[in-house]
Amino acid sequence: MALAGHALVAIWNDILPESRADFFEWHPREHMVERLGIPGFLRGRRCIAVDGGVEFLTLYEVSGTDVLASDTYLQRVLNPTPWSSRVLPSFRNNVRGACDIVYSQGHAMGGFVHTLRLKAEPGREQALDRALAQDVLPALHELPHVCGVHYVVNDVALTAGNAGQQRGRTIGLPERIVLIEGISAAGVRDTVAAHLAADRLAALGAQADAEGALYQLEYSIQNLSLIHISEPTRLGMI
């Protein structure tokens, strides 16, 4: 299915070995439940790396970026629970983006998702966005084993203040993110290799330092009564 809502929070992190067991219990029992209790948070997913890359990927589908500037959300962020205060300083290689959805199409939530973090060459931002959303990604949705394709752009106005040190962890910011969902690791991996290789991305306007990794879904929590997707394909910001 297309991403629920019009915004996506994407988070990557490793975890220190001594906090690993605590992380595995805290995340589904408290943290994601807490986030999904915020009005506008529609669905949360946590995934684990299949073949390298930062180990954990968390995705929150949100009704809009205004939710991420709301008093309710900010109060949760500024006042973490005791369990959160214990676990968060153990995050490593932490990247977090609060993103506008530029393009999203799908027919199911995949068990596998490949994330590709991109940066545009200066002056080629709009050309890259347009090429991915209008030319490249729509065709990928029709390929075997692919069940969702999405393209999002980080909203710097929401995330710039999060960069750097925060509660013992260092947070980096993504710029642009492609997500390919599928029903098999091989199908997703082959799609990315054939259609989103470095040379093709460079021709579209991306810098050469794209970071990609394949993830497998561990669990998902959703507010089914709040999810409303009015159209299968969305284009924005183009």
C-alpha atoms as a PDB file:
ATOM      1  CA  MET A   1       0.000   0.000   0.000  1.00  0.00           C
ATOM      2  CA  ALA A   2       1.058   3.600  -0.363  1.00  0.00           C
ATOM      3  CA  LEU A   3       2.517   5.166   2.761  1.00  0.00           C
ATOM      4  CA  ALA A   4      -0.205   6.243   5.159  1.00  0.00           C
ATOM      5  CA  GLY A   5      -0.451   9.996   5.627  1.00  0.00           C
ATOM      6  CA  HIS A   6       1.773  12.612   4.035  1.00  0.00           C
ATOM      7  CA  ALA A   7       4.918  12.454   6.173  1.00  0.00           C
ATOM      8  CA  LEU A   8       7.447   9.816   7.170  1.00  0.00           C
ATOM      9  CA  VAL A   9       9.896   9.684  10.067  1.00  0.00           C
ATOM     10  CA  ALA A  10      12.833   7.419   9.160  1.00  0.00           C
ATOM     11  CA  ILE A  11      15.370   6.432  11.820  1.00  0.00           C
ATOM     12  CA  TRP A  12      18.502   4.300  11.536  1.00  0.00           C
ATOM     13  CA  ASN A  13      20.528   3.151  14.532  1.00  0.00           C
ATOM     14  CA  ASP A  14      22.986   0.617  15.846  1.00  0.00           C
ATOM     15  CA  ILE A  15      22.957  -0.233  19.551  1.00  0.00           C
ATOM     16  CA  LEU A  16      25.748  -0.874  22.035  1.00  0.00           C
ATOM     17  CA  PRO A  17      26.037  -4.615  22.877  1.00  0.00           C
ATOM     18  CA  GLU A  18      25.404  -4.072  26.581  1.00  0.00           C
ATOM     19  CA  SER A  19      22.053  -2.385  25.825  1.00  0.00           C
ATOM     20  CA  ARG A  20      20.886  -4.764  23.116  1.00  0.00           C
ATOM     21  CA  ALA A  21      18.538  -6.867  25.265  1.00  0.00           C
ATOM     22  CA  ASP A  22      17.037  -3.729  26.813  1.00  0.00           C
ATOM     23  CA  PHE A  23      16.527  -2.181  23.370  1.00  0.00           C
ATOM     24  CA  PHE A  24      14.659  -5.228  22.069  1.00  0.00           C
ATOM     25  CA  GLU A  25      12.147  -4.991  24.926  1.00  0.00           C
ATOM     26  CA  TRP A  26      11.874  -1.198  25.204  1.00  0.00           C
ATOM     27  CA  HIS A  27      11.193  -0.508  21.545  1.00  0.00           C
ATOM     28  CA  PRO A  28       7.994  -2.563  21.006  1.00  0.00           C
ATOM     29  CA  ARG A  29       6.706  -2.588  24.588  1.00  0.00           C
ATOM     30  CA  GLU A  30       7.005   1.135  25.310  1.00  0.00           C
ATOM     31  CA  HIS A  31       8.602   3.382  22.720  1.00  0.00           C
ATOM     32  CA  MET A  32       6.648   2.627  19.551  1.00  0.00           C
ATOM     33  CA  VAL A  33       3.419   2.272  21.526  1.00  0.00           C
ATOM     34  CA  GLU A  34       4.064   5.724  22.978  1.00  0.00           C
ATOM     35  CA  ARG A  35       4.710   7.244  19.556  1.00  0.00           C
ATOM     36  CA  LEU A  36       1.604   5.639  18.057  1.00  0.00           C
ATOM     37  CA  GLY A  37      -0.367   7.221  20.876  1.00  0.00           C
ATOM     38  CA  ILE A  38       0.386  10.686  19.502  1.00  0.00           C
ATOM     39  CA  PRO A  39      -2.464  12.010  17.320  1.00  0.00           C
ATOM     40  CA  GLY A  40      -1.396  11.810  13.672  1.00  0.00           C
ATOM     41  CA  PHE A  41       0.978   8.852  14.055  1.00  0.00           C
ATOM     42  CA  LEU A  42      -0.620   6.163  11.895  1.00  0.00           C
ATOM     43  CA  ARG A  43       1.767   3.239  11.573  1.00  0.00           C
ATOM     44  CA  GLY A  44       5.164   2.238  12.931  1.00  0.00           C
ATOM     45  CA  ARG A  45       7.577  -0.433  11.715  1.00  0.00           C
ATOM     46  CA  ARG A  46      10.936  -1.684  12.906  1.00  0.00           C
ATOM     47  CA  CYS A  47      13.217  -3.607  10.591  1.00  0.00           C
ATOM     48  CA  ILE A  48      16.620  -5.269  10.950  1.00  0.00           C
ATOM     49  CA  ALA A  49      19.462  -5.236   8.413  1.00  0.00           C
ATOM     50  CA  VAL A  50      19.819  -8.315   6.216  1.00  0.00           C
ATOM     51  CA  ASP A  51      23.269  -7.827   4.709  1.00  0.00           C
ATOM     52  CA  GLY A  52      25.154  -5.016   6.387  1.00  0.00           C
ATOM     53  CA  GLY A  53      24.491  -1.358   6.957  1.00  0.00           C
ATOM     54  CA  VAL A  54      23.188   0.267  10.122  1.00  0.00           C
ATOM     55  CA  GLU A  55      21.403  -2.566  11.924  1.00  0.00           C
ATOM     56  CA  PHE A  56      17.971  -1.124  12.720  1.00  0.00           C
ATOM     57  CA  LEU A  57      15.502   0.894  10.667  1.00  0.00           C
ATOM     58  CA  THR A  58      12.364   2.415  12.200  1.00  0.00           C
ATOM     59  CA  LEU A  59       9.640   4.002  10.070  1.00  0.00           C
ATOM     60  CA  TYR A  60       6.727   6.085  11.344  1.00  0.00           C
ATOM     61  CA  GLU A  61       4.005   7.026   8.877  1.00  0.00           C
ATOM     62  CA  VAL A  62       2.397  10.294   9.957  1.00  0.00           C
ATOM     63  CA  SER A  63      -0.607  12.264   8.742  1.00  0.00           C
ATOM     64  CA  GLY A  64       1.534  15.352   8.048  1.00  0.00           C
ATOM     65  CA  THR A  65       4.676  17.190   9.100  1.00  0.00           C
ATOM     66  CA  ASP A  66       2.534  19.493  11.259  1.00  0.00           C
ATOM     67  CA  VAL A  67       2.202  16.570  13.702  1.00  0.00           C
ATOM     68  CA  LEU A  68       5.980  16.684  14.219  1.00  0.00           C
ATOM     69  CA  ALA A  69       5.748  20.326  15.288  1.00  0.00           C
ATOM     70  CA  SER A  70       2.770  19.800  17.599  1.00  0.00           C
ATOM     71  CA  ASP A  71       2.962  20.434  21.336  1.00  0.00           C
ATOM     72  CA  THR A  72       2.024  16.819  22.068  1.00  0.00           C
ATOM     73  CA  TYR A  73       4.895  15.416  20.032  1.00  0.00           C
ATOM     74  CA  LEU A  74       7.454  17.939  21.260  1.00  0.00           C
ATOM     75  CA  GLN A  75       6.525  17.285  24.884  1.00  0.00           C
ATOM     76  CA  ARG A  76       7.113  13.557  24.354  1.00  0.00           C
ATOM     77  CA  VAL A  77      10.484  14.237  22.746  1.00  0.00           C
ATOM     78  CA  LEU A  78      11.599  16.705  25.412  1.00  0.00           C
ATOM     79  CA  ASN A  79      10.424  14.540  28.320  1.00  0.00           C
ATOM     80  CA  PRO A  80      11.545  10.960  27.638  1.00  0.00           C
ATOM     81  CA  THR A  81      10.478   8.176  29.957  1.00  0.00           C
ATOM     82  CA  PRO A  82      13.025   6.697  32.373  1.00  0.00           C
ATOM     83  CA  TRP A  83      13.326   3.626  30.140  1.00  0.00           C
ATOM     84  CA  SER A  84      13.953   5.839  27.089  1.00  0.00           C
ATOM     85  CA  SER A  85      16.548   7.839  29.013  1.00  0.00           C
ATOM     86  CA  ARG A  86      18.375   4.595  29.750  1.00  0.00           C
ATOM     87  CA  VAL A  87      18.315   3.199  26.203  1.00  0.00           C
ATOM     88  CA  LEU A  88      18.752   6.222  23.913  1.00  0.00           C
ATOM     89  CA  PRO A  89      22.364   7.045  24.922  1.00  0.00           C
ATOM     90  CA  SER A  90      23.324   3.585  23.627  1.00  0.00           C
ATOM     91  CA  PHE A  91      22.326   4.452  20.042  1.00  0.00           C
ATOM     92  CA  ARG A  92      25.194   4.601  17.553  1.00  0.00           C
ATOM     93  CA  ASN A  93      25.307   5.585  13.861  1.00  0.00           C
ATOM     94  CA  ASN A  94      21.975   7.304  14.453  1.00  0.00           C
ATOM     95  CA  VAL A  95      20.339   9.040  11.471  1.00  0.00           C
ATOM     96  CA  ARG A  96      16.888  10.594  11.679  1.00  0.00           C
ATOM     97  CA  GLY A  97      14.743  12.358   9.104  1.00  0.00           C
ATOM     98  CA  ALA A  98      11.267  13.907   9.327  1.00  0.00           C
ATOM     99  CA  CYS A  99      10.265  13.778   5.694  1.00  0.00           C
ATOM    100  CA  ASP A 100       7.676  15.003   3.233  1.00  0.00           C
ATOM    101  CA  ILE A 101       6.390  12.256   0.942  1.00  0.00           C
ATOM    102  CA  VAL A 102       7.129  13.161  -2.666  1.00  0.00           C
ATOM    103  CA  TYR A 103       5.949   9.913  -4.252  1.00  0.00           C
ATOM    104  CA  SER A 104       4.347   6.759  -2.866  1.00  0.00           C
ATOM    105  CA  GLN A 105       2.721   3.798  -4.544  1.00  0.00           C
ATOM    106  CA  GLY A 106       2.122   0.235  -3.423  1.00  0.00           C
ATOM    107  CA  HIS A 107      -0.291  -2.641  -3.031  1.00  0.00           C
ATOM    108  CA  ALA A 108       1.028  -4.263   0.170  1.00  0.00           C
ATOM    109  CA  MET A 109       3.392  -3.704   3.094  1.00  0.00           C
ATOM    110  CA  GLY A 110       6.532  -5.642   2.233  1.00  0.00           C
ATOM    111  CA  GLY A 111       8.455  -7.972   4.475  1.00  0.00           C
ATOM    112  CA  PHE A 112      11.657  -6.479   3.054  1.00  0.00           C
ATOM    113  CA  VAL A 113      12.600  -2.865   2.391  1.00  0.00           C
ATOM    114  CA  HIS A 114      15.703  -1.373   0.830  1.00  0.00           C
ATOM    115  CA  THR A 115      16.542   2.174   1.860  1.00  0.00           C
ATOM    116  CA  LEU A 116      18.752   4.380  -0.256  1.00  0.00           C
ATOM    117  CA  ARG A 117      19.886   7.666   1.277  1.00  0.00           C
ATOM    118  CA  LEU A 118      20.770  10.183  -1.445  1.00  0.00           C
ATOM    119  CA  LYS A 119      22.144  13.673  -1.763  1.00  0.00           C
ATOM    120  CA  ALA A 120      21.481  15.789  -4.829  1.00  0.00           C
ATOM    121  CA  GLU A 121      24.209  17.570  -6.705  1.00  0.00           C
ATOM    122  CA  PRO A 122      23.913  21.316  -5.956  1.00  0.00           C
ATOM    123  CA  GLY A 123      21.471  22.893  -8.374  1.00  0.00           C
ATOM    124  CA  ARG A 124      20.030  19.544  -9.506  1.00  0.00           C
ATOM    125  CA  GLU A 125      17.622  18.951  -6.625  1.00  0.00           C
ATOM    126  CA  GLN A 126      14.410  19.498  -8.581  1.00  0.00           C
ATOM    127  CA  ALA A 127      15.660  17.531 -11.576  1.00  0.00           C
ATOM    128  CA  LEU A 128      16.516  14.554  -9.352  1.00  0.00           C
ATOM    129  CA  ASP A 129      13.141  14.703  -7.568  1.00  0.00           C
ATOM    130  CA  ARG A 130      11.268  14.897 -10.850  1.00  0.00           C
ATOM    131  CA  ALA A 131      13.219  12.076 -12.509  1.00  0.00           C
ATOM    132  CA  LEU A 132      12.757   9.673  -9.603  1.00  0.00           C
ATOM    133  CA  ALA A 133       9.093  10.448  -8.964  1.00  0.00           C
ATOM    134  CA  GLN A 134       7.921  10.647 -12.567  1.00  0.00           C
ATOM    135  CA  ASP A 135      10.236   8.405 -14.579  1.00  0.00           C
ATOM    136  CA  VAL A 136      12.061   5.843 -12.461  1.00  0.00           C
ATOM    137  CA  LEU A 137       9.931   4.738  -9.504  1.00  0.00           C
ATOM    138  CA  PRO A 138       6.508   4.264 -11.158  1.00  0.00           C
ATOM    139  CA  ALA A 139       7.925   1.530 -13.405  1.00  0.00           C
ATOM    140  CA  LEU A 140       9.547  -0.309 -10.484  1.00  0.00           C
ATOM    141  CA  HIS A 141       6.206  -0.903  -8.795  1.00  0.00           C
ATOM    142  CA  GLU A 142       5.251  -3.210 -11.666  1.00  0.00           C
ATOM    143  CA  LEU A 143       8.266  -5.506 -11.253  1.00  0.00           C
ATOM    144  CA  PRO A 144       7.990  -9.016  -9.756  1.00  0.00           C
ATOM    145  CA  HIS A 145       8.306  -9.251  -5.959  1.00  0.00           C
ATOM    146  CA  VAL A 146       8.050  -5.442  -5.540  1.00  0.00           C
ATOM    147  CA  CYS A 147       5.024  -4.278  -3.553  1.00  0.00           C
ATOM    148  CA  GLY A 148       5.827  -0.632  -2.738  1.00  0.00           C
ATOM    149  CA  VAL A 149       8.025   2.236  -3.938  1.00  0.00           C
ATOM    150  CA  HIS A 150       8.410   5.520  -2.089  1.00  0.00           C
ATOM    151  CA  TYR A 151      10.456   8.697  -2.280  1.00  0.00           C
ATOM    152  CA  VAL A 152      10.719  11.201   0.579  1.00  0.00           C
ATOM    153  CA  VAL A 153      12.696  14.374   1.272  1.00  0.00           C
ATOM    154  CA  ASN A 154      13.831  15.436   4.728  1.00  0.00           C
ATOM    155  CA  ASP A 155      12.260  18.646   6.062  1.00  0.00           C
ATOM    156  CA  VAL A 156      15.289  20.526   7.399  1.00  0.00           C
ATOM    157  CA  ALA A 157      13.046  22.997   9.224  1.00  0.00           C
ATOM    158  CA  LEU A 158      11.907  20.128  11.447  1.00  0.00           C
ATOM    159  CA  THR A 159      15.178  18.255  11.830  1.00  0.00           C
ATOM    160  CA  ALA A 160      18.079  20.733  11.746  1.00  0.00           C
ATOM    161  CA  GLY A 161      17.883  21.221  15.503  1.00  0.00           C
ATOM    162  CA  ASN A 162      18.263  17.475  16.034  1.00  0.00           C
ATOM    163  CA  ALA A 163      21.683  17.191  14.413  1.00  0.00           C
ATOM    164  CA  GLY A 164      24.705  16.609  16.613  1.00  0.00           C
ATOM    165  CA  GLN A 165      24.814  15.459  20.222  1.00  0.00           C
ATOM    166  CA  GLN A 166      21.500  14.680  21.932  1.00  0.00           C
ATOM    167  CA  ARG A 167      21.181  12.695  25.178  1.00  0.00           C
ATOM    168  CA  GLY A 168      24.459  10.900  24.661  1.00  0.00           C
ATOM    169  CA  ARG A 169      23.955  10.045  20.996  1.00  0.00           C
ATOM    170  CA  THR A 170      25.040  11.759  17.805  1.00  0.00           C
ATOM    171  CA  ILE A 171      22.245  12.225  15.243  1.00  0.00           C
ATOM    172  CA  GLY A 172      22.864  12.704  11.535  1.00  0.00           C
ATOM    173  CA  LEU A 173      20.333  13.918   8.974  1.00  0.00           C
ATOM    174  CA  PRO A 174      19.403  12.325   5.640  1.00  0.00           C
ATOM    175  CA  GLU A 175      18.595  14.458   2.607  1.00  0.00           C
ATOM    176  CA  ARG A 176      16.568  12.266   0.235  1.00  0.00           C
ATOM    177  CA  ILE A 177      15.413   8.666   0.704  1.00  0.00           C
ATOM    178  CA  VAL A 178      14.196   6.022  -1.733  1.00  0.00           C
ATOM    179  CA  LEU A 179      12.414   2.995  -0.229  1.00  0.00           C
ATOM    180  CA  ILE A 180      11.712  -0.173  -2.207  1.00  0.00           C
ATOM    181  CA  GLU A 181       9.446  -2.709  -0.471  1.00  0.00           C
ATOM    182  CA  GLY A 182       9.050  -6.305  -1.559  1.00  0.00           C
ATOM    183  CA  ILE A 183       8.040  -9.836  -0.669  1.00  0.00           C
ATOM    184  CA  SER A 184      11.525 -11.347  -1.006  1.00  0.00           C
ATOM    185  CA  ALA A 185      15.054 -10.216  -0.233  1.00  0.00           C
ATOM    186  CA  ALA A 186      16.261 -11.330  -3.660  1.00  0.00           C
ATOM    187  CA  GLY A 187      13.504  -9.467  -5.483  1.00  0.00           C
ATOM    188  CA  VAL A 188      14.208  -6.196  -3.706  1.00  0.00           C
ATOM    189  CA  ARG A 189      17.955  -6.589  -4.002  1.00  0.00           C
ATOM    190  CA  ASP A 190      17.767  -7.330  -7.742  1.00  0.00           C
ATOM    191  CA  THR A 191      15.441  -4.381  -8.384  1.00  0.00           C
ATOM    192  CA  VAL A 192      17.779  -1.932  -6.690  1.00  0.00           C
ATOM    193  CA  ALA A 193      20.859  -3.336  -8.452  1.00  0.00           C
ATOM    194  CA  ALA A 194      19.222  -3.183 -11.881  1.00  0.00           C
ATOM    195  CA  HIS A 195      17.413   0.156 -11.672  1.00  0.00           C
ATOM    196  CA  LEU A 196      19.019   2.278  -8.947  1.00  0.00           C
ATOM    197  CA  ALA A 197      22.719   1.659  -9.532  1.00  0.00           C
ATOM    198  CA  ALA A 198      25.202   4.415  -8.726  1.00  0.00           C
ATOM    199  CA  ASP A 199      25.824   5.349 -12.363  1.00  0.00           C
ATOM    200  CA  ARG A 200      22.114   5.794 -13.087  1.00  0.00           C
ATOM    201  CA  LEU A 201      21.564   7.853  -9.962  1.00  0.00           C
ATOM    202  CA  ALA A 202      24.518  10.058 -10.899  1.00  0.00           C
ATOM    203  CA  ALA A 203      23.003  10.637 -14.342  1.00  0.00           C
ATOM    204  CA  LEU A 204      19.772  11.745 -12.655  1.00  0.00           C
ATOM    205  CA  GLY A 205      21.564  14.274 -10.457  1.00  0.00           C
ATOM    206  CA  ALA A 206      22.559  12.380  -7.302  1.00  0.00           C
ATOM    207  CA  GLN A 207      25.936  12.588  -5.634  1.00  0.00           C
ATOM    208  CA  ALA A 208      28.141   9.506  -5.617  1.00  0.00           C
ATOM    209  CA  ASP A 209      27.960   8.794  -1.881  1.00  0.00           C
ATOM    210  CA  ALA A 210      24.519   7.144  -1.683  1.00  0.00           C
ATOM    211  CA  GLU A 211      24.078   4.794   1.301  1.00  0.00           C
ATOM    212  CA  GLY A 212      21.920   1.729   0.818  1.00  0.00           C
ATOM    213  CA  ALA A 213      20.923  -1.275   2.922  1.00  0.00           C
ATOM    214  CA  LEU A 214      18.339  -4.052   2.837  1.00  0.00           C
ATOM    215  CA  TYR A 215      16.099  -4.623   5.870  1.00  0.00           C
ATOM    216  CA  GLN A 216      13.623  -7.271   7.009  1.00  0.00           C
ATOM    217  CA  LEU A 217      10.476  -6.360   8.934  1.00  0.00           C
ATOM    218  CA  GLU A 218      10.565  -7.324  12.615  1.00  0.00           C
ATOM    219  CA  TYR A 219       7.215  -5.916  13.751  1.00  0.00           C
ATOM    220  CA  SER A 220       4.603  -3.265  13.028  1.00  0.00           C
ATOM    221  CA  ILE A 221       2.049  -1.346  15.086  1.00  0.00           C
ATOM    222  CA  GLN A 222      -0.731   0.639  13.456  1.00  0.00           C
ATOM    223  CA  ASN A 223      -3.759   2.756  14.271  1.00  0.00           C
ATOM    224  CA  LEU A 224      -5.992   1.122  11.680  1.00  0.00           C
ATOM    225  CA  SER A 225      -8.973   3.360  12.435  1.00  0.00           C
ATOM    226  CA  LEU A 226      -6.921   6.455  11.649  1.00  0.00           C
ATOM    227  CA  ILE A 227      -5.325   5.335   8.384  1.00  0.00           C
ATOM    228  CA  HIS A 228      -6.923   6.821   5.291  1.00  0.00           C
ATOM    229  CA  ILE A 229      -5.229   6.706   1.914  1.00  0.00           C
ATOM    230  CA  SER A 230      -7.319   8.520  -0.644  1.00  0.00           C
ATOM    231  CA  GLU A 231      -5.325   7.734  -3.777  1.00  0.00           C
ATOM    232  CA  PRO A 232      -2.793   5.028  -4.715  1.00  0.00           C
ATOM    233  CA  THR A 233      -0.240   7.431  -6.147  1.00  0.00           C
ATOM    234  CA  ARG A 234       0.854  10.774  -4.722  1.00  0.00           C
ATOM    235  CA  LEU A 235       3.134  13.319  -6.279  1.00  0.00           C
ATOM    236  CA  GLY A 236       4.195  16.379  -4.374  1.00  0.00           C
ATOM    237  CA  MET A 237       6.944  18.969  -4.184  1.00  0.00           C
ATOM    238  CA  ILE A 238       7.718  18.492  -7.901  1.00  0.00           C
END
